[in-house]
Structures are given as structure tokens and as C-alpha cells.
PDB file of all heavy atoms in Angstrom:
ATOM      1  N   ALA A   1      -3.830   2.308   9.970  1.00  0.00           N
ATOM      2  CA  ALA A   1      -5.143   2.153   9.340  1.00  0.00           C
ATOM      3  C   ALA A   1      -5.362   0.714   8.900  1.00  0.00           C
ATOM      4  O   ALA A   1      -6.446   0.142   9.088  1.00  0.00           O
ATOM      5  CB  ALA A   1      -5.259   3.094   8.146  1.00  0.00           C
ATOM      6  N   ILE A   2      -4.336   0.113   8.301  1.00  0.00           N
ATOM      7  CA  ILE A   2      -4.440  -1.280   7.839  1.00  0.00           C
ATOM      8  C   ILE A   2      -4.612  -2.225   9.017  1.00  0.00           C
ATOM      9  O   ILE A   2      -5.382  -3.191   8.972  1.00  0.00           O
ATOM     10  CB  ILE A   2      -3.194  -1.645   7.010  1.00  0.00           C
ATOM     11  CG1 ILE A   2      -3.186  -0.826   5.702  1.00  0.00           C
ATOM     12  CG2 ILE A   2      -3.146  -3.135   6.715  1.00  0.00           C
ATOM     13  CD1 ILE A   2      -1.880  -0.885   4.945  1.00  0.00           C
ATOM     14  N   GLU A   3      -3.918  -1.920  10.114  1.00  0.00           N
ATOM     15  CA  GLU A   3      -4.013  -2.769  11.314  1.00  0.00           C
ATOM     16  C   GLU A   3      -5.408  -2.697  11.936  1.00  0.00           C
ATOM     17  O   GLU A   3      -5.982  -3.731  12.311  1.00  0.00           O
ATOM     18  CB  GLU A   3      -2.974  -2.324  12.335  1.00  0.00           C
ATOM     19  CG  GLU A   3      -3.009  -3.105  13.641  1.00  0.00           C
ATOM     20  CD  GLU A   3      -2.058  -2.531  14.682  1.00  0.00           C
ATOM     21  OE1 GLU A   3      -1.014  -1.962  14.291  1.00  0.00           O
ATOM     22  OE2 GLU A   3      -2.369  -2.628  15.887  1.00  0.00           O
ATOM     23  N   LEU A   4      -5.964  -1.496  12.065  1.00  0.00           N
ATOM     24  CA  LEU A   4      -7.255  -1.325  12.738  1.00  0.00           C
ATOM     25  C   LEU A   4      -8.445  -1.570  11.812  1.00  0.00           C
ATOM     26  O   LEU A   4      -9.559  -1.826  12.286  1.00  0.00           O
ATOM     27  CB  LEU A   4      -7.354   0.077  13.338  1.00  0.00           C
ATOM     28  CG  LEU A   4      -6.350   0.428  14.444  1.00  0.00           C
ATOM     29  CD1 LEU A   4      -6.642   1.813  15.001  1.00  0.00           C
ATOM     30  CD2 LEU A   4      -6.369  -0.609  15.567  1.00  0.00           C
ATOM     31  N   ASN A   5      -8.222  -1.460  10.505  1.00  0.00           N
ATOM     32  CA  ASN A   5      -9.303  -1.675   9.539  1.00  0.00           C
ATOM     33  C   ASN A   5      -8.764  -2.523   8.394  1.00  0.00           C
ATOM     34  O   ASN A   5      -8.450  -2.020   7.309  1.00  0.00           O
ATOM     35  CB  ASN A   5      -9.828  -0.330   9.022  1.00  0.00           C
ATOM     36  CG  ASN A   5     -11.014  -0.491   8.084  1.00  0.00           C
ATOM     37  OD1 ASN A   5     -11.678  -1.523   8.072  1.00  0.00           O
ATOM     38  ND2 ASN A   5     -11.285   0.548   7.284  1.00  0.00           N
ATOM     39  N   PRO A   6      -8.628  -3.829   8.604  1.00  0.00           N
ATOM     40  CA  PRO A   6      -7.967  -4.708   7.621  1.00  0.00           C
ATOM     41  C   PRO A   6      -8.609  -4.716   6.239  1.00  0.00           C
ATOM     42  O   PRO A   6      -7.969  -5.105   5.265  1.00  0.00           O
ATOM     43  CB  PRO A   6      -8.061  -6.097   8.278  1.00  0.00           C
ATOM     44  CG  PRO A   6      -8.238  -5.824   9.738  1.00  0.00           C
ATOM     45  CD  PRO A   6      -9.036  -4.566   9.816  1.00  0.00           C
ATOM     46  N   SER A   7      -9.842  -4.296   6.119  1.00  0.00           N
ATOM     47  CA  SER A   7     -10.506  -4.306   4.814  1.00  0.00           C
ATOM     48  C   SER A   7     -10.286  -3.020   4.029  1.00  0.00           C
ATOM     49  O   SER A   7     -10.856  -2.846   2.938  1.00  0.00           O
ATOM     50  CB  SER A   7     -12.016  -4.526   5.009  1.00  0.00           C
ATOM     51  OG  SER A   7     -12.583  -3.437   5.724  1.00  0.00           O
ATOM     52  N   ASP A   8      -9.460  -2.127   4.553  1.00  0.00           N
ATOM     53  CA  ASP A   8      -9.242  -0.822   3.906  1.00  0.00           C
ATOM     54  C   ASP A   8      -8.289  -0.967   2.713  1.00  0.00           C
ATOM     55  O   ASP A   8      -7.066  -0.974   2.860  1.00  0.00           O
ATOM     56  CB  ASP A   8      -8.678   0.176   4.923  1.00  0.00           C
ATOM     57  CG  ASP A   8      -8.549   1.582   4.355  1.00  0.00           C
ATOM     58  OD1 ASP A   8      -8.798   1.764   3.149  1.00  0.00           O
ATOM     59  OD2 ASP A   8      -8.188   2.497   5.112  1.00  0.00           O
ATOM     60  N   ALA A   9      -8.875  -1.075   1.519  1.00  0.00           N
ATOM     61  CA  ALA A   9      -8.059  -1.199   0.300  1.00  0.00           C
ATOM     62  C   ALA A   9      -7.371   0.115  -0.039  1.00  0.00           C
ATOM     63  O   ALA A   9      -6.245   0.127  -0.550  1.00  0.00           O
ATOM     64  CB  ALA A   9      -8.935  -1.644  -0.865  1.00  0.00           C
ATOM     65  N   ARG A  10      -8.035   1.235   0.266  1.00  0.00           N
ATOM     66  CA  ARG A  10      -7.478   2.535  -0.111  1.00  0.00           C
ATOM     67  C   ARG A  10      -6.197   2.845   0.661  1.00  0.00           C
ATOM     68  O   ARG A  10      -5.272   3.453   0.113  1.00  0.00           O
ATOM     69  CB  ARG A  10      -8.509   3.644   0.102  1.00  0.00           C
ATOM     70  CG  ARG A  10      -9.708   3.522  -0.822  1.00  0.00           C
ATOM     71  CD  ARG A  10      -9.316   3.800  -2.285  1.00  0.00           C
ATOM     72  NE  ARG A  10     -10.391   3.448  -3.194  1.00  0.00           N
ATOM     73  CZ  ARG A  10     -11.441   4.199  -3.457  1.00  0.00           C
ATOM     74  NH1 ARG A  10     -11.564   5.379  -2.857  1.00  0.00           N
ATOM     75  NH2 ARG A  10     -12.355   3.798  -4.310  1.00  0.00           N
ATOM     76  N   ALA A  11      -6.147   2.466   1.927  1.00  0.00           N
ATOM     77  CA  ALA A  11      -4.932   2.719   2.707  1.00  0.00           C
ATOM     78  C   ALA A  11      -3.743   2.019   2.064  1.00  0.00           C
ATOM     79  O   ALA A  11      -2.631   2.566   2.011  1.00  0.00           O
ATOM     80  CB  ALA A  11      -5.106   2.260   4.148  1.00  0.00           C
ATOM     81  N   ARG A  12      -3.971   0.812   1.548  1.00  0.00           N
ATOM     82  CA  ARG A  12      -2.896   0.080   0.874  1.00  0.00           C
ATOM     83  C   ARG A  12      -2.522   0.766  -0.449  1.00  0.00           C
ATOM     84  O   ARG A  12      -1.346   0.817  -0.825  1.00  0.00           O
ATOM     85  CB  ARG A  12      -3.335  -1.366   0.628  1.00  0.00           C
ATOM     86  CG  ARG A  12      -3.436  -2.185   1.918  1.00  0.00           C
ATOM     87  CD  ARG A  12      -4.126  -3.518   1.677  1.00  0.00           C
ATOM     88  NE  ARG A  12      -4.053  -4.385   2.842  1.00  0.00           N
ATOM     89  CZ  ARG A  12      -4.895  -4.323   3.880  1.00  0.00           C
ATOM     90  NH1 ARG A  12      -5.854  -3.419   3.877  1.00  0.00           N
ATOM     91  NH2 ARG A  12      -4.769  -5.153   4.889  1.00  0.00           N
ATOM     92  N   TYR A  13      -3.530   1.265  -1.145  1.00  0.00           N
ATOM     93  CA  TYR A  13      -3.267   2.007  -2.377  1.00  0.00           C
ATOM     94  C   TYR A  13      -2.423   3.251  -2.091  1.00  0.00           C
ATOM     95  O   TYR A  13      -1.418   3.512  -2.765  1.00  0.00           O
ATOM     96  CB  TYR A  13      -4.598   2.390  -3.033  1.00  0.00           C
ATOM     97  CG  TYR A  13      -4.503   3.525  -4.020  1.00  0.00           C
ATOM     98  CD1 TYR A  13      -3.890   3.356  -5.259  1.00  0.00           C
ATOM     99  CD2 TYR A  13      -5.025   4.784  -3.700  1.00  0.00           C
ATOM    100  CE1 TYR A  13      -3.807   4.410  -6.162  1.00  0.00           C
ATOM    101  CE2 TYR A  13      -4.945   5.833  -4.603  1.00  0.00           C
ATOM    102  CZ  TYR A  13      -4.338   5.646  -5.829  1.00  0.00           C
ATOM    103  OH  TYR A  13      -4.245   6.687  -6.714  1.00  0.00           O
ATOM    104  N   TYR A  14      -2.812   4.028  -1.066  1.00  0.00           N
ATOM    105  CA  TYR A  14      -2.061   5.241  -0.728  1.00  0.00           C
ATOM    106  C   TYR A  14      -0.640   4.897  -0.288  1.00  0.00           C
ATOM    107  O   TYR A  14       0.323   5.566  -0.687  1.00  0.00           O
ATOM    108  CB  TYR A  14      -2.757   6.016   0.389  1.00  0.00           C
ATOM    109  CG  TYR A  14      -4.176   6.422   0.102  1.00  0.00           C
ATOM    110  CD1 TYR A  14      -5.174   6.302   1.066  1.00  0.00           C
ATOM    111  CD2 TYR A  14      -4.543   6.940  -1.144  1.00  0.00           C
ATOM    112  CE1 TYR A  14      -6.478   6.677   0.809  1.00  0.00           C
ATOM    113  CE2 TYR A  14      -5.845   7.307  -1.412  1.00  0.00           C
ATOM    114  CZ  TYR A  14      -6.820   7.169  -0.428  1.00  0.00           C
ATOM    115  OH  TYR A  14      -8.117   7.542  -0.675  1.00  0.00           O
ATOM    116  N   LEU A  15      -0.509   3.856   0.501  1.00  0.00           N
ATOM    117  CA  LEU A  15       0.821   3.469   0.976  1.00  0.00           C
ATOM    118  C   LEU A  15       1.679   2.992  -0.193  1.00  0.00           C
ATOM    119  O   LEU A  15       2.888   3.264  -0.249  1.00  0.00           O
ATOM    120  CB  LEU A  15       0.694   2.376   2.041  1.00  0.00           C
ATOM    121  CG  LEU A  15       1.961   2.003   2.804  1.00  0.00           C
ATOM    122  CD1 LEU A  15       2.592   3.221   3.473  1.00  0.00           C
ATOM    123  CD2 LEU A  15       1.667   0.920   3.843  1.00  0.00           C
ATOM    124  N   GLY A  16       1.045   2.300  -1.148  1.00  0.00           N
ATOM    125  CA  GLY A  16       1.775   1.898  -2.349  1.00  0.00           C
ATOM    126  C   GLY A  16       2.290   3.097  -3.116  1.00  0.00           C
ATOM    127  O   GLY A  16       3.422   3.087  -3.639  1.00  0.00           O
ATOM    128  N   ASN A  17       1.479   4.169  -3.197  1.00  0.00           N
ATOM    129  CA  ASN A  17       1.929   5.397  -3.859  1.00  0.00           C
ATOM    130  C   ASN A  17       3.177   5.949  -3.178  1.00  0.00           C
ATOM    131  O   ASN A  17       4.123   6.403  -3.841  1.00  0.00           O
ATOM    132  CB  ASN A  17       0.823   6.452  -3.826  1.00  0.00           C
ATOM    133  CG  ASN A  17      -0.356   6.092  -4.712  1.00  0.00           C
ATOM    134  OD1 ASN A  17      -0.295   5.150  -5.490  1.00  0.00           O
ATOM    135  ND2 ASN A  17      -1.448   6.825  -4.572  1.00  0.00           N
ATOM    136  N   PHE A  18       3.160   5.931  -1.843  1.00  0.00           N
ATOM    137  CA  PHE A  18       4.313   6.441  -1.093  1.00  0.00           C
ATOM    138  C   PHE A  18       5.557   5.610  -1.402  1.00  0.00           C
ATOM    139  O   PHE A  18       6.623   6.146  -1.709  1.00  0.00           O
ATOM    140  CB  PHE A  18       4.023   6.406   0.408  1.00  0.00           C
ATOM    141  CG  PHE A  18       5.177   6.858   1.261  1.00  0.00           C
ATOM    142  CD1 PHE A  18       5.319   8.186   1.617  1.00  0.00           C
ATOM    143  CD2 PHE A  18       6.153   5.957   1.693  1.00  0.00           C
ATOM    144  CE1 PHE A  18       6.391   8.621   2.393  1.00  0.00           C
ATOM    145  CE2 PHE A  18       7.229   6.369   2.464  1.00  0.00           C
ATOM    146  CZ  PHE A  18       7.341   7.703   2.808  1.00  0.00           C
ATOM    147  N   TRP A  19       5.438   4.278  -1.330  1.00  0.00           N
ATOM    148  CA  TRP A  19       6.609   3.420  -1.553  1.00  0.00           C
ATOM    149  C   TRP A  19       7.140   3.572  -2.975  1.00  0.00           C
ATOM    150  O   TRP A  19       8.354   3.587  -3.191  1.00  0.00           O
ATOM    151  CB  TRP A  19       6.259   1.957  -1.286  1.00  0.00           C
ATOM    152  CG  TRP A  19       5.999   1.590   0.145  1.00  0.00           C
ATOM    153  CD1 TRP A  19       4.943   0.865   0.632  1.00  0.00           C
ATOM    154  CD2 TRP A  19       6.802   1.920   1.285  1.00  0.00           C
ATOM    155  NE1 TRP A  19       5.037   0.728   1.980  1.00  0.00           N
ATOM    156  CE2 TRP A  19       6.176   1.358   2.422  1.00  0.00           C
ATOM    157  CE3 TRP A  19       7.988   2.630   1.463  1.00  0.00           C
ATOM    158  CZ2 TRP A  19       6.687   1.484   3.700  1.00  0.00           C
ATOM    159  CZ3 TRP A  19       8.505   2.766   2.749  1.00  0.00           C
ATOM    160  CH2 TRP A  19       7.863   2.198   3.840  1.00  0.00           C
ATOM    161  N   TYR A  20       6.243   3.675  -3.952  1.00  0.00           N
ATOM    162  CA  TYR A  20       6.703   3.785  -5.338  1.00  0.00           C
ATOM    163  C   TYR A  20       7.459   5.094  -5.541  1.00  0.00           C
ATOM    164  O   TYR A  20       8.496   5.130  -6.215  1.00  0.00           O
ATOM    165  CB  TYR A  20       5.511   3.713  -6.296  1.00  0.00           C
ATOM    166  CG  TYR A  20       5.905   3.322  -7.712  1.00  0.00           C
ATOM    167  CD1 TYR A  20       6.063   1.982  -8.060  1.00  0.00           C
ATOM    168  CD2 TYR A  20       6.114   4.283  -8.693  1.00  0.00           C
ATOM    169  CE1 TYR A  20       6.418   1.612  -9.349  1.00  0.00           C
ATOM    170  CE2 TYR A  20       6.477   3.933  -9.980  1.00  0.00           C
ATOM    171  CZ  TYR A  20       6.626   2.590 -10.303  1.00  0.00           C
ATOM    172  OH  TYR A  20       6.998   2.237 -11.581  1.00  0.00           O
ATOM    173  N   ASP A  21       6.946   6.175  -4.947  1.00  0.00           N
ATOM    174  CA  ASP A  21       7.635   7.465  -5.045  1.00  0.00           C
ATOM    175  C   ASP A  21       9.021   7.399  -4.433  1.00  0.00           C
ATOM    176  O   ASP A  21       9.954   8.036  -4.919  1.00  0.00           O
ATOM    177  CB  ASP A  21       6.800   8.532  -4.337  1.00  0.00           C
ATOM    178  CG  ASP A  21       7.517   9.870  -4.277  1.00  0.00           C
ATOM    179  OD1 ASP A  21       7.832  10.420  -5.344  1.00  0.00           O
ATOM    180  OD2 ASP A  21       7.770  10.365  -3.168  1.00  0.00           O
ATOM    181  N   LYS A  22       9.171   6.597  -3.383  1.00  0.00           N
ATOM    182  CA  LYS A  22      10.467   6.467  -2.702  1.00  0.00           C
ATOM    183  C   LYS A  22      11.309   5.335  -3.289  1.00  0.00           C
ATOM    184  O   LYS A  22      12.317   4.929  -2.711  1.00  0.00           O
ATOM    185  CB  LYS A  22      10.270   6.242  -1.202  1.00  0.00           C
ATOM    186  CG  LYS A  22       9.407   7.291  -0.521  1.00  0.00           C
ATOM    187  CD  LYS A  22       9.887   8.707  -0.780  1.00  0.00           C
ATOM    188  CE  LYS A  22       8.962   9.747  -0.138  1.00  0.00           C
ATOM    189  NZ  LYS A  22       9.295  11.125  -0.552  1.00  0.00           N
ATOM    190  N   ARG A  23      10.879   4.815  -4.452  1.00  0.00           N
ATOM    191  CA  ARG A  23      11.602   3.765  -5.188  1.00  0.00           C
ATOM    192  C   ARG A  23      11.711   2.454  -4.415  1.00  0.00           C
ATOM    193  O   ARG A  23      12.631   1.662  -4.651  1.00  0.00           O
ATOM    194  CB  ARG A  23      12.992   4.263  -5.610  1.00  0.00           C
ATOM    195  CG  ARG A  23      12.926   5.526  -6.464  1.00  0.00           C
ATOM    196  CD  ARG A  23      14.268   5.964  -6.984  1.00  0.00           C
ATOM    197  NE  ARG A  23      14.158   7.210  -7.750  1.00  0.00           N
ATOM    198  CZ  ARG A  23      15.163   7.789  -8.386  1.00  0.00           C
ATOM    199  NH1 ARG A  23      16.364   7.241  -8.345  1.00  0.00           N
ATOM    200  NH2 ARG A  23      14.981   8.899  -9.053  1.00  0.00           N
ATOM    201  N   GLN A  24      10.768   2.228  -3.538  1.00  0.00           N
ATOM    202  CA  GLN A  24      10.667   0.939  -2.841  1.00  0.00           C
ATOM    203  C   GLN A  24       9.636   0.101  -3.614  1.00  0.00           C
ATOM    204  O   GLN A  24       8.511  -0.108  -3.168  1.00  0.00           O
ATOM    205  CB  GLN A  24      10.238   1.158  -1.387  1.00  0.00           C
ATOM    206  CG  GLN A  24      11.122   2.126  -0.622  1.00  0.00           C
ATOM    207  CD  GLN A  24      12.574   1.668  -0.571  1.00  0.00           C
ATOM    208  OE1 GLN A  24      12.881   0.567  -0.102  1.00  0.00           O
ATOM    209  NE2 GLN A  24      13.479   2.503  -1.062  1.00  0.00           N
ATOM    210  N   TYR A  25      10.062  -0.371  -4.790  1.00  0.00           N
ATOM    211  CA  TYR A  25       9.110  -0.949  -5.730  1.00  0.00           C
ATOM    212  C   TYR A  25       8.470  -2.250  -5.253  1.00  0.00           C
ATOM    213  O   TYR A  25       7.248  -2.424  -5.421  1.00  0.00           O
ATOM    214  CB  TYR A  25       9.776  -1.138  -7.088  1.00  0.00           C
ATOM    215  CG  TYR A  25      10.338   0.158  -7.640  1.00  0.00           C
ATOM    216  CD1 TYR A  25      11.693   0.305  -7.924  1.00  0.00           C
ATOM    217  CD2 TYR A  25       9.511   1.256  -7.856  1.00  0.00           C
ATOM    218  CE1 TYR A  25      12.209   1.494  -8.417  1.00  0.00           C
ATOM    219  CE2 TYR A  25      10.013   2.459  -8.348  1.00  0.00           C
ATOM    220  CZ  TYR A  25      11.366   2.572  -8.625  1.00  0.00           C
ATOM    221  OH  TYR A  25      11.863   3.758  -9.105  1.00  0.00           O
ATOM    222  N   PRO A  26       9.207  -3.187  -4.643  1.00  0.00           N
ATOM    223  CA  PRO A  26       8.534  -4.412  -4.160  1.00  0.00           C
ATOM    224  C   PRO A  26       7.451  -4.100  -3.135  1.00  0.00           C
ATOM    225  O   PRO A  26       6.373  -4.707  -3.163  1.00  0.00           O
ATOM    226  CB  PRO A  26       9.686  -5.225  -3.555  1.00  0.00           C
ATOM    227  CG  PRO A  26      10.913  -4.734  -4.246  1.00  0.00           C
ATOM    228  CD  PRO A  26      10.673  -3.277  -4.477  1.00  0.00           C
ATOM    229  N   GLU A  27       7.731  -3.154  -2.230  1.00  0.00           N
ATOM    230  CA  GLU A  27       6.739  -2.801  -1.218  1.00  0.00           C
ATOM    231  C   GLU A  27       5.506  -2.167  -1.863  1.00  0.00           C
ATOM    232  O   GLU A  27       4.366  -2.450  -1.483  1.00  0.00           O
ATOM    233  CB  GLU A  27       7.343  -1.830  -0.205  1.00  0.00           C
ATOM    234  CG  GLU A  27       8.389  -2.435   0.712  1.00  0.00           C
ATOM    235  CD  GLU A  27       9.792  -2.448   0.106  1.00  0.00           C
ATOM    236  OE1 GLU A  27       9.913  -2.168  -1.121  1.00  0.00           O
ATOM    237  OE2 GLU A  27      10.750  -2.733   0.844  1.00  0.00           O
ATOM    238  N   ALA A  28       5.746  -1.302  -2.866  1.00  0.00           N
ATOM    239  CA  ALA A  28       4.626  -0.652  -3.556  1.00  0.00           C
ATOM    240  C   ALA A  28       3.756  -1.688  -4.261  1.00  0.00           C
ATOM    241  O   ALA A  28       2.515  -1.664  -4.155  1.00  0.00           O
ATOM    242  CB  ALA A  28       5.152   0.367  -4.554  1.00  0.00           C
ATOM    243  N   ILE A  29       4.394  -2.586  -4.997  1.00  0.00           N
ATOM    244  CA  ILE A  29       3.647  -3.598  -5.746  1.00  0.00           C
ATOM    245  C   ILE A  29       2.858  -4.490  -4.800  1.00  0.00           C
ATOM    246  O   ILE A  29       1.684  -4.814  -5.061  1.00  0.00           O
ATOM    247  CB  ILE A  29       4.619  -4.415  -6.619  1.00  0.00           C
ATOM    248  CG1 ILE A  29       5.163  -3.528  -7.754  1.00  0.00           C
ATOM    249  CG2 ILE A  29       3.934  -5.655  -7.190  1.00  0.00           C
ATOM    250  CD1 ILE A  29       6.314  -4.139  -8.528  1.00  0.00           C
ATOM    251  N   ALA A  30       3.457  -4.871  -3.683  1.00  0.00           N
ATOM    252  CA  ALA A  30       2.754  -5.715  -2.708  1.00  0.00           C
ATOM    253  C   ALA A  30       1.518  -5.000  -2.165  1.00  0.00           C
ATOM    254  O   ALA A  30       0.446  -5.609  -2.014  1.00  0.00           O
ATOM    255  CB  ALA A  30       3.699  -6.090  -1.565  1.00  0.00           C
ATOM    256  N   CYS A  31       1.652  -3.699  -1.872  1.00  0.00           N
ATOM    257  CA  CYS A  31       0.501  -2.927  -1.374  1.00  0.00           C
ATOM    258  C   CYS A  31      -0.611  -2.875  -2.415  1.00  0.00           C
ATOM    259  O   CYS A  31      -1.791  -3.078  -2.098  1.00  0.00           O
ATOM    260  CB  CYS A  31       0.932  -1.514  -1.014  1.00  0.00           C
ATOM    261  SG  CYS A  31       1.813  -1.363   0.559  1.00  0.00           S
ATOM    262  N   TRP A  32      -0.262  -2.614  -3.660  1.00  0.00           N
ATOM    263  CA  TRP A  32      -1.284  -2.491  -4.704  1.00  0.00           C
ATOM    264  C   TRP A  32      -1.935  -3.835  -5.005  1.00  0.00           C
ATOM    265  O   TRP A  32      -3.141  -3.899  -5.276  1.00  0.00           O
ATOM    266  CB  TRP A  32      -0.670  -1.896  -5.964  1.00  0.00           C
ATOM    267  CG  TRP A  32      -0.318  -0.445  -5.821  1.00  0.00           C
ATOM    268  CD1 TRP A  32      -0.905   0.473  -4.997  1.00  0.00           C
ATOM    269  CD2 TRP A  32       0.703   0.256  -6.530  1.00  0.00           C
ATOM    270  NE1 TRP A  32      -0.310   1.700  -5.143  1.00  0.00           N
ATOM    271  CE2 TRP A  32       0.677   1.612  -6.083  1.00  0.00           C
ATOM    272  CE3 TRP A  32       1.642  -0.088  -7.489  1.00  0.00           C
ATOM    273  CZ2 TRP A  32       1.545   2.590  -6.577  1.00  0.00           C
ATOM    274  CZ3 TRP A  32       2.507   0.880  -7.985  1.00  0.00           C
ATOM    275  CH2 TRP A  32       2.456   2.207  -7.522  1.00  0.00           C
ATOM    276  N   GLU A  33      -1.153  -4.906  -4.975  1.00  0.00           N
ATOM    277  CA  GLU A  33      -1.739  -6.227  -5.208  1.00  0.00           C
ATOM    278  C   GLU A  33      -2.746  -6.571  -4.131  1.00  0.00           C
ATOM    279  O   GLU A  33      -3.821  -7.130  -4.412  1.00  0.00           O
ATOM    280  CB  GLU A  33      -0.628  -7.280  -5.273  1.00  0.00           C
ATOM    281  CG  GLU A  33       0.210  -7.209  -6.538  1.00  0.00           C
ATOM    282  CD  GLU A  33       1.378  -8.170  -6.533  1.00  0.00           C
ATOM    283  OE1 GLU A  33       1.847  -8.551  -5.434  1.00  0.00           O
ATOM    284  OE2 GLU A  33       1.853  -8.531  -7.622  1.00  0.00           O
ATOM    285  N   GLU A  34      -2.423  -6.239  -2.889  1.00  0.00           N
ATOM    286  CA  GLU A  34      -3.356  -6.496  -1.796  1.00  0.00           C
ATOM    287  C   GLU A  34      -4.586  -5.596  -1.931  1.00  0.00           C
ATOM    288  O   GLU A  34      -5.714  -5.994  -1.627  1.00  0.00           O
ATOM    289  CB  GLU A  34      -2.664  -6.249  -0.454  1.00  0.00           C
ATOM    290  CG  GLU A  34      -3.503  -6.587   0.770  1.00  0.00           C
ATOM    291  CD  GLU A  34      -3.851  -8.063   0.901  1.00  0.00           C
ATOM    292  OE1 GLU A  34      -3.263  -8.887   0.162  1.00  0.00           O
ATOM    293  OE2 GLU A  34      -4.707  -8.388   1.732  1.00  0.00           O
ATOM    294  N   ALA A  35      -4.377  -4.365  -2.410  1.00  0.00           N
ATOM    295  CA  ALA A  35      -5.493  -3.430  -2.581  1.00  0.00           C
ATOM    296  C   ALA A  35      -6.503  -3.951  -3.599  1.00  0.00           C
ATOM    297  O   ALA A  35      -7.724  -3.860  -3.373  1.00  0.00           O
ATOM    298  CB  ALA A  35      -4.973  -2.065  -3.001  1.00  0.00           C
TER     299      ALA A  35
END
């Protein structure tokens, strides 16, 4: 979704939720900051 629709902030938000749940905190924070 991010690749085909680069302006999609929500996809980054959802992906950040996934990473945070899986304790991948740097990845989650990066997704939310971009969102």
C-alpha cells in the first residue's frame, strides 16, 4: 500500500501498530513519525 500509494498515512499508522505489538519499537516509531 505504501509503495503504490505513497501519501497513505494510515497504512503507516497500521503498520506501526503491528510493529509495536511485535516489540519492533524502532520500526513502529519510524512508521508513526512518517504518518
